[in-house]
Amino acid sequence: IAGTTGLALWLWTSDRVSLGAIALVTALAMRITQMSGWGFN
């Protein structure tokens, strides 16, 4: 979560990605981490 969001914010400061892209990568990263326990179980 920290890596994807931080990288997206850094790219946004260079006008490489949009605000929507930051929201997208953060939301999907959080969703993936929520499901990470499924593989363990």
PDB file of all heavy atoms in Angstrom:
ATOM      1  N   ILE A   1       0.832  -1.212   0.000  1.00  0.00           N
ATOM      2  CA  ILE A   1       0.000   0.000   0.000  1.00  0.00           C
ATOM      3  C   ILE A   1       0.864   1.258   0.000  1.00  0.00           C
ATOM      4  O   ILE A   1       0.644   2.187  -0.796  1.00  0.00           O
ATOM      5  CB  ILE A   1      -0.949  -0.004   1.214  1.00  0.00           C
ATOM      6  CG1 ILE A   1      -1.941  -1.158   1.108  1.00  0.00           C
ATOM      7  CG2 ILE A   1      -1.698   1.326   1.309  1.00  0.00           C
ATOM      8  CD1 ILE A   1      -2.784  -1.358   2.351  1.00  0.00           C
ATOM      9  N   ALA A   2       1.856   1.271   0.886  1.00  0.00           N
ATOM     10  CA  ALA A   2       2.725   2.453   0.956  1.00  0.00           C
ATOM     11  C   ALA A   2       3.536   2.619  -0.320  1.00  0.00           C
ATOM     12  O   ALA A   2       3.717   3.738  -0.823  1.00  0.00           O
ATOM     13  CB  ALA A   2       3.665   2.327   2.163  1.00  0.00           C
ATOM     14  N   GLY A   3       4.017   1.506  -0.868  1.00  0.00           N
ATOM     15  CA  GLY A   3       4.845   1.582  -2.071  1.00  0.00           C
ATOM     16  C   GLY A   3       4.077   2.065  -3.279  1.00  0.00           C
ATOM     17  O   GLY A   3       4.548   2.953  -4.013  1.00  0.00           O
ATOM     18  N   THR A   4       2.890   1.495  -3.515  1.00  0.00           N
ATOM     19  CA  THR A   4       2.106   1.896  -4.688  1.00  0.00           C
ATOM     20  C   THR A   4       1.594   3.328  -4.553  1.00  0.00           C
ATOM     21  O   THR A   4       1.659   4.123  -5.496  1.00  0.00           O
ATOM     22  CB  THR A   4       0.913   0.942  -4.901  1.00  0.00           C
ATOM     23  OG1 THR A   4       0.163   0.828  -3.683  1.00  0.00           O
ATOM     24  CG2 THR A   4       1.374  -0.423  -5.338  1.00  0.00           C
ATOM     25  N   THR A   5       1.091   3.668  -3.363  1.00  0.00           N
ATOM     26  CA  THR A   5       0.561   5.027  -3.170  1.00  0.00           C
ATOM     27  C   THR A   5       1.682   6.062  -3.231  1.00  0.00           C
ATOM     28  O   THR A   5       1.544   7.117  -3.867  1.00  0.00           O
ATOM     29  CB  THR A   5      -0.175   5.128  -1.824  1.00  0.00           C
ATOM     30  OG1 THR A   5      -1.192   4.129  -1.751  1.00  0.00           O
ATOM     31  CG2 THR A   5      -0.806   6.499  -1.662  1.00  0.00           C
ATOM     32  N   GLY A   6       2.810   5.765  -2.565  1.00  0.00           N
ATOM     33  CA  GLY A   6       3.933   6.704  -2.589  1.00  0.00           C
ATOM     34  C   GLY A   6       4.485   6.905  -3.988  1.00  0.00           C
ATOM     35  O   GLY A   6       4.771   8.036  -4.394  1.00  0.00           O
ATOM     36  N   LEU A   7       4.622   5.805  -4.731  1.00  0.00           N
ATOM     37  CA  LEU A   7       5.125   5.914  -6.100  1.00  0.00           C
ATOM     38  C   LEU A   7       4.150   6.684  -6.981  1.00  0.00           C
ATOM     39  O   LEU A   7       4.562   7.513  -7.812  1.00  0.00           O
ATOM     40  CB  LEU A   7       5.372   4.513  -6.671  1.00  0.00           C
ATOM     41  CG  LEU A   7       5.933   4.431  -8.096  1.00  0.00           C
ATOM     42  CD1 LEU A   7       7.258   5.210  -8.203  1.00  0.00           C
ATOM     43  CD2 LEU A   7       6.140   2.979  -8.512  1.00  0.00           C
ATOM     44  N   ALA A   8       2.839   6.423  -6.797  1.00  0.00           N
ATOM     45  CA  ALA A   8       1.834   7.141  -7.580  1.00  0.00           C
ATOM     46  C   ALA A   8       1.858   8.634  -7.268  1.00  0.00           C
ATOM     47  O   ALA A   8       1.751   9.475  -8.172  1.00  0.00           O
ATOM     48  CB  ALA A   8       0.452   6.560  -7.305  1.00  0.00           C
ATOM     49  N   LEU A   9       2.028   8.978  -6.005  1.00  0.00           N
ATOM     50  CA  LEU A   9       2.103  10.392  -5.635  1.00  0.00           C
ATOM     51  C   LEU A   9       3.344  11.051  -6.247  1.00  0.00           C
ATOM     52  O   LEU A   9       3.287  12.198  -6.723  1.00  0.00           O
ATOM     53  CB  LEU A   9       2.139  10.531  -4.108  1.00  0.00           C
ATOM     54  CG  LEU A   9       0.818  10.315  -3.373  1.00  0.00           C
ATOM     55  CD1 LEU A   9       1.043  10.235  -1.867  1.00  0.00           C
ATOM     56  CD2 LEU A   9      -0.171  11.436  -3.712  1.00  0.00           C
ATOM     57  N   TRP A  10       4.466  10.340  -6.229  1.00  0.00           N
ATOM     58  CA  TRP A  10       5.697  10.885  -6.822  1.00  0.00           C
ATOM     59  C   TRP A  10       5.529  11.101  -8.321  1.00  0.00           C
ATOM     60  O   TRP A  10       5.952  12.136  -8.867  1.00  0.00           O
ATOM     61  CB  TRP A  10       6.847   9.923  -6.550  1.00  0.00           C
ATOM     62  CG  TRP A  10       8.146  10.386  -7.163  1.00  0.00           C
ATOM     63  CD1 TRP A  10       8.945  11.396  -6.739  1.00  0.00           C
ATOM     64  CD2 TRP A  10       8.755   9.847  -8.336  1.00  0.00           C
ATOM     65  NE1 TRP A  10      10.037  11.540  -7.576  1.00  0.00           N
ATOM     66  CE2 TRP A  10       9.941  10.587  -8.575  1.00  0.00           C
ATOM     67  CE3 TRP A  10       8.436   8.815  -9.204  1.00  0.00           C
ATOM     68  CZ2 TRP A  10      10.783  10.325  -9.648  1.00  0.00           C
ATOM     69  CZ3 TRP A  10       9.275   8.548 -10.277  1.00  0.00           C
ATOM     70  CH2 TRP A  10      10.439   9.302 -10.486  1.00  0.00           C
ATOM     71  N   LEU A  11       4.885  10.150  -8.989  1.00  0.00           N
ATOM     72  CA  LEU A  11       4.630  10.303 -10.427  1.00  0.00           C
ATOM     73  C   LEU A  11       3.652  11.445 -10.691  1.00  0.00           C
ATOM     74  O   LEU A  11       3.757  12.138 -11.706  1.00  0.00           O
ATOM     75  CB  LEU A  11       4.089   8.994 -11.004  1.00  0.00           C
ATOM     76  CG  LEU A  11       5.083   7.826 -11.052  1.00  0.00           C
ATOM     77  CD1 LEU A  11       4.373   6.532 -11.420  1.00  0.00           C
ATOM     78  CD2 LEU A  11       6.200   8.117 -12.061  1.00  0.00           C
ATOM     79  N   TRP A  12       2.690  11.642  -9.770  1.00  0.00           N
ATOM     80  CA  TRP A  12       1.727  12.737  -9.938  1.00  0.00           C
ATOM     81  C   TRP A  12       2.423  14.091  -9.827  1.00  0.00           C
ATOM     82  O   TRP A  12       2.076  15.035 -10.550  1.00  0.00           O
ATOM     83  CB  TRP A  12       0.634  12.608  -8.877  1.00  0.00           C
ATOM     84  CG  TRP A  12      -0.308  13.774  -8.840  1.00  0.00           C
ATOM     85  CD1 TRP A  12      -1.278  14.089  -9.748  1.00  0.00           C
ATOM     86  CD2 TRP A  12      -0.361  14.792  -7.826  1.00  0.00           C
ATOM     87  NE1 TRP A  12      -1.939  15.226  -9.370  1.00  0.00           N
ATOM     88  CE2 TRP A  12      -1.401  15.681  -8.188  1.00  0.00           C
ATOM     89  CE3 TRP A  12       0.348  15.020  -6.650  1.00  0.00           C
ATOM     90  CZ2 TRP A  12      -1.733  16.785  -7.418  1.00  0.00           C
ATOM     91  CZ3 TRP A  12       0.024  16.121  -5.882  1.00  0.00           C
ATOM     92  CH2 TRP A  12      -1.008  16.997  -6.271  1.00  0.00           C
ATOM     93  N   THR A  13       3.415  14.194  -8.922  1.00  0.00           N
ATOM     94  CA  THR A  13       4.137  15.460  -8.784  1.00  0.00           C
ATOM     95  C   THR A  13       4.905  15.811 -10.050  1.00  0.00           C
ATOM     96  O   THR A  13       5.222  16.973 -10.293  1.00  0.00           O
ATOM     97  CB  THR A  13       5.125  15.417  -7.597  1.00  0.00           C
ATOM     98  OG1 THR A  13       6.079  14.367  -7.804  1.00  0.00           O
ATOM     99  CG2 THR A  13       4.380  15.193  -6.286  1.00  0.00           C
ATOM    100  N   SER A  14       5.218  14.779 -10.858  1.00  0.00           N
ATOM    101  CA  SER A  14       5.888  15.016 -12.140  1.00  0.00           C
ATOM    102  C   SER A  14       4.894  15.058 -13.296  1.00  0.00           C
ATOM    103  O   SER A  14       5.284  15.033 -14.462  1.00  0.00           O
ATOM    104  CB  SER A  14       6.917  13.904 -12.401  1.00  0.00           C
ATOM    105  OG  SER A  14       7.835  13.801 -11.345  1.00  0.00           O
ATOM    106  N   ASP A  15       3.606  15.098 -12.948  1.00  0.00           N
ATOM    107  CA  ASP A  15       2.528  15.143 -13.937  1.00  0.00           C
ATOM    108  C   ASP A  15       2.549  13.914 -14.868  1.00  0.00           C
ATOM    109  O   ASP A  15       2.227  14.001 -16.045  1.00  0.00           O
ATOM    110  CB  ASP A  15       2.619  16.427 -14.775  1.00  0.00           C
ATOM    111  CG  ASP A  15       1.271  16.783 -15.403  1.00  0.00           C
ATOM    112  OD1 ASP A  15       0.236  16.365 -14.836  1.00  0.00           O
ATOM    113  OD2 ASP A  15       1.265  17.429 -16.460  1.00  0.00           O
ATOM    114  N   ARG A  16       2.938  12.761 -14.290  1.00  0.00           N
ATOM    115  CA  ARG A  16       2.965  11.524 -15.081  1.00  0.00           C
ATOM    116  C   ARG A  16       1.658  10.730 -14.946  1.00  0.00           C
ATOM    117  O   ARG A  16       1.327   9.954 -15.834  1.00  0.00           O
ATOM    118  CB  ARG A  16       4.141  10.645 -14.633  1.00  0.00           C
ATOM    119  CG  ARG A  16       5.497  11.323 -14.737  1.00  0.00           C
ATOM    120  CD  ARG A  16       5.876  11.560 -16.183  1.00  0.00           C
ATOM    121  NE  ARG A  16       7.164  12.212 -16.309  1.00  0.00           N
ATOM    122  CZ  ARG A  16       8.324  11.557 -16.358  1.00  0.00           C
ATOM    123  NH1 ARG A  16       8.347  10.244 -16.288  1.00  0.00           N
ATOM    124  NH2 ARG A  16       9.454  12.229 -16.470  1.00  0.00           N
ATOM    125  N   VAL A  17       0.983  10.874 -13.821  1.00  0.00           N
ATOM    126  CA  VAL A  17      -0.299  10.192 -13.621  1.00  0.00           C
ATOM    127  C   VAL A  17      -1.313  11.188 -13.071  1.00  0.00           C
ATOM    128  O   VAL A  17      -0.949  12.246 -12.544  1.00  0.00           O
ATOM    129  CB  VAL A  17      -0.178   8.990 -12.650  1.00  0.00           C
ATOM    130  CG1 VAL A  17       0.777   7.940 -13.172  1.00  0.00           C
ATOM    131  CG2 VAL A  17       0.233   9.452 -11.250  1.00  0.00           C
ATOM    132  N   SER A  18      -2.586  10.827 -13.175  1.00  0.00           N
ATOM    133  CA  SER A  18      -3.651  11.716 -12.722  1.00  0.00           C
ATOM    134  C   SER A  18      -4.027  11.409 -11.276  1.00  0.00           C
ATOM    135  O   SER A  18      -3.613  10.395 -10.702  1.00  0.00           O
ATOM    136  CB  SER A  18      -4.887  11.552 -13.615  1.00  0.00           C
ATOM    137  OG  SER A  18      -5.417  10.233 -13.473  1.00  0.00           O
ATOM    138  N   LEU A  19      -4.863  12.267 -10.711  1.00  0.00           N
ATOM    139  CA  LEU A  19      -5.375  12.014  -9.363  1.00  0.00           C
ATOM    140  C   LEU A  19      -6.219  10.740  -9.334  1.00  0.00           C
ATOM    141  O   LEU A  19      -6.208   9.989  -8.365  1.00  0.00           O
ATOM    142  CB  LEU A  19      -6.212  13.206  -8.895  1.00  0.00           C
ATOM    143  CG  LEU A  19      -5.439  14.476  -8.504  1.00  0.00           C
ATOM    144  CD1 LEU A  19      -6.419  15.603  -8.189  1.00  0.00           C
ATOM    145  CD2 LEU A  19      -4.553  14.207  -7.302  1.00  0.00           C
ATOM    146  N   GLY A  20      -6.950  10.516 -10.405  1.00  0.00           N
ATOM    147  CA  GLY A  20      -7.759   9.304 -10.483  1.00  0.00           C
ATOM    148  C   GLY A  20      -6.905   8.054 -10.442  1.00  0.00           C
ATOM    149  O   GLY A  20      -7.290   7.043  -9.850  1.00  0.00           O
ATOM    150  N   ALA A  21      -5.734   8.119 -11.076  1.00  0.00           N
ATOM    151  CA  ALA A  21      -4.830   6.957 -11.062  1.00  0.00           C
ATOM    152  C   ALA A  21      -4.340   6.676  -9.645  1.00  0.00           C
ATOM    153  O   ALA A  21      -4.196   5.511  -9.249  1.00  0.00           O
ATOM    154  CB  ALA A  21      -3.646   7.214 -11.997  1.00  0.00           C
ATOM    155  N   ILE A  22      -4.098   7.726  -8.856  1.00  0.00           N
ATOM    156  CA  ILE A  22      -3.686   7.532  -7.463  1.00  0.00           C
ATOM    157  C   ILE A  22      -4.782   6.824  -6.682  1.00  0.00           C
ATOM    158  O   ILE A  22      -4.536   5.871  -5.930  1.00  0.00           O
ATOM    159  CB  ILE A  22      -3.346   8.882  -6.801  1.00  0.00           C
ATOM    160  CG1 ILE A  22      -2.159   9.543  -7.505  1.00  0.00           C
ATOM    161  CG2 ILE A  22      -3.057   8.695  -5.314  1.00  0.00           C
ATOM    162  CD1 ILE A  22      -1.838  10.930  -6.987  1.00  0.00           C
ATOM    163  N   ALA A  23      -6.018   7.288  -6.884  1.00  0.00           N
ATOM    164  CA  ALA A  23      -7.148   6.646  -6.201  1.00  0.00           C
ATOM    165  C   ALA A  23      -7.297   5.197  -6.638  1.00  0.00           C
ATOM    166  O   ALA A  23      -7.568   4.312  -5.817  1.00  0.00           O
ATOM    167  CB  ALA A  23      -8.430   7.423  -6.490  1.00  0.00           C
ATOM    168  N   LEU A  24      -7.087   4.929  -7.928  1.00  0.00           N
ATOM    169  CA  LEU A  24      -7.241   3.577  -8.450  1.00  0.00           C
ATOM    170  C   LEU A  24      -6.199   2.625  -7.875  1.00  0.00           C
ATOM    171  O   LEU A  24      -6.534   1.535  -7.383  1.00  0.00           O
ATOM    172  CB  LEU A  24      -7.138   3.604  -9.978  1.00  0.00           C
ATOM    173  CG  LEU A  24      -7.195   2.242 -10.679  1.00  0.00           C
ATOM    174  CD1 LEU A  24      -8.537   1.581 -10.453  1.00  0.00           C
ATOM    175  CD2 LEU A  24      -6.911   2.393 -12.171  1.00  0.00           C
ATOM    176  N   VAL A  25      -4.922   3.020  -7.921  1.00  0.00           N
ATOM    177  CA  VAL A  25      -3.876   2.108  -7.451  1.00  0.00           C
ATOM    178  C   VAL A  25      -3.983   1.886  -5.943  1.00  0.00           C
ATOM    179  O   VAL A  25      -3.734   0.776  -5.444  1.00  0.00           O
ATOM    180  CB  VAL A  25      -2.469   2.627  -7.830  1.00  0.00           C
ATOM    181  CG1 VAL A  25      -2.330   2.736  -9.343  1.00  0.00           C
ATOM    182  CG2 VAL A  25      -2.154   3.948  -7.164  1.00  0.00           C
ATOM    183  N   THR A  26      -4.378   2.928  -5.211  1.00  0.00           N
ATOM    184  CA  THR A  26      -4.525   2.767  -3.768  1.00  0.00           C
ATOM    185  C   THR A  26      -5.675   1.826  -3.440  1.00  0.00           C
ATOM    186  O   THR A  26      -5.553   0.928  -2.589  1.00  0.00           O
ATOM    187  CB  THR A  26      -4.761   4.129  -3.090  1.00  0.00           C
ATOM    188  OG1 THR A  26      -3.670   5.000  -3.401  1.00  0.00           O
ATOM    189  CG2 THR A  26      -4.881   3.976  -1.591  1.00  0.00           C
ATOM    190  N   ALA A  27      -6.807   2.004  -4.126  1.00  0.00           N
ATOM    191  CA  ALA A  27      -7.983   1.154  -3.866  1.00  0.00           C
ATOM    192  C   ALA A  27      -7.692  -0.300  -4.216  1.00  0.00           C
ATOM    193  O   ALA A  27      -8.039  -1.210  -3.449  1.00  0.00           O
ATOM    194  CB  ALA A  27      -9.179   1.670  -4.660  1.00  0.00           C
ATOM    195  N   LEU A  28      -7.080  -0.539  -5.367  1.00  0.00           N
ATOM    196  CA  LEU A  28      -6.801  -1.923  -5.763  1.00  0.00           C
ATOM    197  C   LEU A  28      -5.727  -2.552  -4.890  1.00  0.00           C
ATOM    198  O   LEU A  28      -5.802  -3.748  -4.567  1.00  0.00           O
ATOM    199  CB  LEU A  28      -6.387  -1.969  -7.236  1.00  0.00           C
ATOM    200  CG  LEU A  28      -7.516  -1.753  -8.249  1.00  0.00           C
ATOM    201  CD1 LEU A  28      -6.974  -1.808  -9.675  1.00  0.00           C
ATOM    202  CD2 LEU A  28      -8.613  -2.791  -8.072  1.00  0.00           C
ATOM    203  N   ALA A  29      -4.731  -1.776  -4.490  1.00  0.00           N
ATOM    204  CA  ALA A  29      -3.704  -2.306  -3.593  1.00  0.00           C
ATOM    205  C   ALA A  29      -4.316  -2.714  -2.260  1.00  0.00           C
ATOM    206  O   ALA A  29      -3.999  -3.781  -1.702  1.00  0.00           O
ATOM    207  CB  ALA A  29      -2.606  -1.274  -3.376  1.00  0.00           C
ATOM    208  N   MET A  30      -5.205  -1.894  -1.732  1.00  0.00           N
ATOM    209  CA  MET A  30      -5.862  -2.221  -0.473  1.00  0.00           C
ATOM    210  C   MET A  30      -6.748  -3.454  -0.620  1.00  0.00           C
ATOM    211  O   MET A  30      -6.808  -4.306   0.270  1.00  0.00           O
ATOM    212  CB  MET A  30      -6.684  -1.031   0.020  1.00  0.00           C
ATOM    213  CG  MET A  30      -5.843   0.165   0.439  1.00  0.00           C
ATOM    214  SD  MET A  30      -6.823   1.585   0.980  1.00  0.00           S
ATOM    215  CE  MET A  30      -7.584   0.926   2.462  1.00  0.00           C
ATOM    216  N   ARG A  31      -7.416  -3.577  -1.765  1.00  0.00           N
ATOM    217  CA  ARG A  31      -8.276  -4.745  -1.982  1.00  0.00           C
ATOM    218  C   ARG A  31      -7.449  -6.022  -2.093  1.00  0.00           C
ATOM    219  O   ARG A  31      -7.828  -7.073  -1.557  1.00  0.00           O
ATOM    220  CB  ARG A  31      -9.104  -4.535  -3.254  1.00  0.00           C
ATOM    221  CG  ARG A  31     -10.074  -5.664  -3.557  1.00  0.00           C
ATOM    222  CD  ARG A  31     -11.012  -5.909  -2.405  1.00  0.00           C
ATOM    223  NE  ARG A  31     -11.909  -7.009  -2.673  1.00  0.00           N
ATOM    224  CZ  ARG A  31     -12.476  -7.766  -1.747  1.00  0.00           C
ATOM    225  NH1 ARG A  31     -12.199  -7.533  -0.473  1.00  0.00           N
ATOM    226  NH2 ARG A  31     -13.284  -8.742  -2.067  1.00  0.00           N
ATOM    227  N   ILE A  32      -6.317  -5.942  -2.766  1.00  0.00           N
ATOM    228  CA  ILE A  32      -5.441  -7.115  -2.900  1.00  0.00           C
ATOM    229  C   ILE A  32      -4.925  -7.547  -1.531  1.00  0.00           C
ATOM    230  O   ILE A  32      -4.868  -8.739  -1.224  1.00  0.00           O
ATOM    231  CB  ILE A  32      -4.283  -6.804  -3.860  1.00  0.00           C
ATOM    232  CG1 ILE A  32      -4.807  -6.702  -5.296  1.00  0.00           C
ATOM    233  CG2 ILE A  32      -3.196  -7.871  -3.781  1.00  0.00           C
ATOM    234  CD1 ILE A  32      -3.793  -6.176  -6.285  1.00  0.00           C
ATOM    235  N   THR A  33      -4.540  -6.579  -0.698  1.00  0.00           N
ATOM    236  CA  THR A  33      -4.041  -6.941   0.634  1.00  0.00           C
ATOM    237  C   THR A  33      -5.143  -7.558   1.488  1.00  0.00           C
ATOM    238  O   THR A  33      -4.886  -8.445   2.315  1.00  0.00           O
ATOM    239  CB  THR A  33      -3.455  -5.718   1.353  1.00  0.00           C
ATOM    240  OG1 THR A  33      -4.470  -4.709   1.511  1.00  0.00           O
ATOM    241  CG2 THR A  33      -2.300  -5.134   0.570  1.00  0.00           C
ATOM    242  N   GLN A  34      -6.381  -7.101   1.308  1.00  0.00           N
ATOM    243  CA  GLN A  34      -7.488  -7.686   2.052  1.00  0.00           C
ATOM    244  C   GLN A  34      -7.699  -9.155   1.698  1.00  0.00           C
ATOM    245  O   GLN A  34      -8.142  -9.951   2.519  1.00  0.00           O
ATOM    246  CB  GLN A  34      -8.777  -6.900   1.785  1.00  0.00           C
ATOM    247  CG  GLN A  34      -8.795  -5.524   2.422  1.00  0.00           C
ATOM    248  CD  GLN A  34      -9.973  -4.683   1.973  1.00  0.00           C
ATOM    249  OE1 GLN A  34     -10.779  -5.093   1.132  1.00  0.00           O
ATOM    250  NE2 GLN A  34     -10.084  -3.488   2.525  1.00  0.00           N
ATOM    251  N   MET A  35      -7.375  -9.517   0.465  1.00  0.00           N
ATOM    252  CA  MET A  35      -7.576 -10.893   0.018  1.00  0.00           C
ATOM    253  C   MET A  35      -6.330 -11.751   0.196  1.00  0.00           C
ATOM    254  O   MET A  35      -6.349 -12.940  -0.117  1.00  0.00           O
ATOM    255  CB  MET A  35      -7.986 -10.910  -1.458  1.00  0.00           C
ATOM    256  CG  MET A  35      -9.333 -10.268  -1.735  1.00  0.00           C
ATOM    257  SD  MET A  35      -9.841 -10.471  -3.452  1.00  0.00           S
ATOM    258  CE  MET A  35      -8.529  -9.630  -4.299  1.00  0.00           C
ATOM    259  N   SER A  36      -5.259 -11.169   0.694  1.00  0.00           N
ATOM    260  CA  SER A  36      -4.020 -11.931   0.813  1.00  0.00           C
ATOM    261  C   SER A  36      -4.159 -13.099   1.782  1.00  0.00           C
ATOM    262  O   SER A  36      -3.483 -14.123   1.642  1.00  0.00           O
ATOM    263  CB  SER A  36      -2.876 -11.019   1.267  1.00  0.00           C
ATOM    264  OG  SER A  36      -3.125 -10.508   2.570  1.00  0.00           O
ATOM    265  N   GLY A  37      -5.030 -12.945   2.762  1.00  0.00           N
ATOM    266  CA  GLY A  37      -5.248 -14.035   3.706  1.00  0.00           C
ATOM    267  C   GLY A  37      -5.896 -15.251   3.084  1.00  0.00           C
ATOM    268  O   GLY A  37      -5.800 -16.363   3.619  1.00  0.00           O
ATOM    269  N   TRP A  38      -6.584 -15.061   1.943  1.00  0.00           N
ATOM    270  CA  TRP A  38      -7.237 -16.192   1.280  1.00  0.00           C
ATOM    271  C   TRP A  38      -6.220 -17.228   0.837  1.00  0.00           C
ATOM    272  O   TRP A  38      -6.448 -18.429   0.968  1.00  0.00           O
ATOM    273  CB  TRP A  38      -8.029 -15.699   0.074  1.00  0.00           C
ATOM    274  CG  TRP A  38      -9.245 -14.913   0.416  1.00  0.00           C
ATOM    275  CD1 TRP A  38      -9.639 -14.498   1.667  1.00  0.00           C
ATOM    276  CD2 TRP A  38     -10.234 -14.431  -0.486  1.00  0.00           C
ATOM    277  NE1 TRP A  38     -10.805 -13.792   1.578  1.00  0.00           N
ATOM    278  CE2 TRP A  38     -11.197 -13.719   0.292  1.00  0.00           C
ATOM    279  CE3 TRP A  38     -10.412 -14.493  -1.860  1.00  0.00           C
ATOM    280  CZ2 TRP A  38     -12.315 -13.110  -0.284  1.00  0.00           C
ATOM    281  CZ3 TRP A  38     -11.517 -13.897  -2.424  1.00  0.00           C
ATOM    282  CH2 TRP A  38     -12.456 -13.205  -1.657  1.00  0.00           C
ATOM    283  N   GLY A  39      -5.105 -16.748   0.295  1.00  0.00           N
ATOM    284  CA  GLY A  39      -4.083 -17.695  -0.154  1.00  0.00           C
ATOM    285  C   GLY A  39      -3.514 -18.503   0.998  1.00  0.00           C
ATOM    286  O   GLY A  39      -3.266 -19.705   0.874  1.00  0.00           O
ATOM    287  N   PHE A  40      -3.337 -17.835   2.133  1.00  0.00           N
ATOM    288  CA  PHE A  40      -2.859 -18.516   3.337  1.00  0.00           C
ATOM    289  C   PHE A  40      -3.862 -19.571   3.803  1.00  0.00           C
ATOM    290  O   PHE A  40      -3.512 -20.730   4.057  1.00  0.00           O
ATOM    291  CB  PHE A  40      -2.599 -17.476   4.421  1.00  0.00           C
ATOM    292  CG  PHE A  40      -2.401 -18.051   5.784  1.00  0.00           C
ATOM    293  CD1 PHE A  40      -1.385 -18.970   6.026  1.00  0.00           C
ATOM    294  CD2 PHE A  40      -3.227 -17.669   6.839  1.00  0.00           C
ATOM    295  CE1 PHE A  40      -1.200 -19.508   7.300  1.00  0.00           C
ATOM    296  CE2 PHE A  40      -3.053 -18.202   8.100  1.00  0.00           C
ATOM    297  CZ  PHE A  40      -2.034 -19.110   8.327  1.00  0.00           C
ATOM    298  N   ASN A  41      -5.131 -19.174   3.906  1.00  0.00           N
ATOM    299  CA  ASN A  41      -6.158 -20.117   4.343  1.00  0.00           C
ATOM    300  C   ASN A  41      -6.343 -21.260   3.353  1.00  0.00           C
ATOM    301  O   ASN A  41      -6.562 -22.409   3.743  1.00  0.00           O
ATOM    302  CB  ASN A  41      -7.491 -19.382   4.540  1.00  0.00           C
ATOM    303  CG  ASN A  41      -7.460 -18.415   5.691  1.00  0.00           C
ATOM    304  OD1 ASN A  41      -6.750 -18.643   6.668  1.00  0.00           O
ATOM    305  ND2 ASN A  41      -8.191 -17.321   5.594  1.00  0.00           N
TER     306      ASN A  41
END
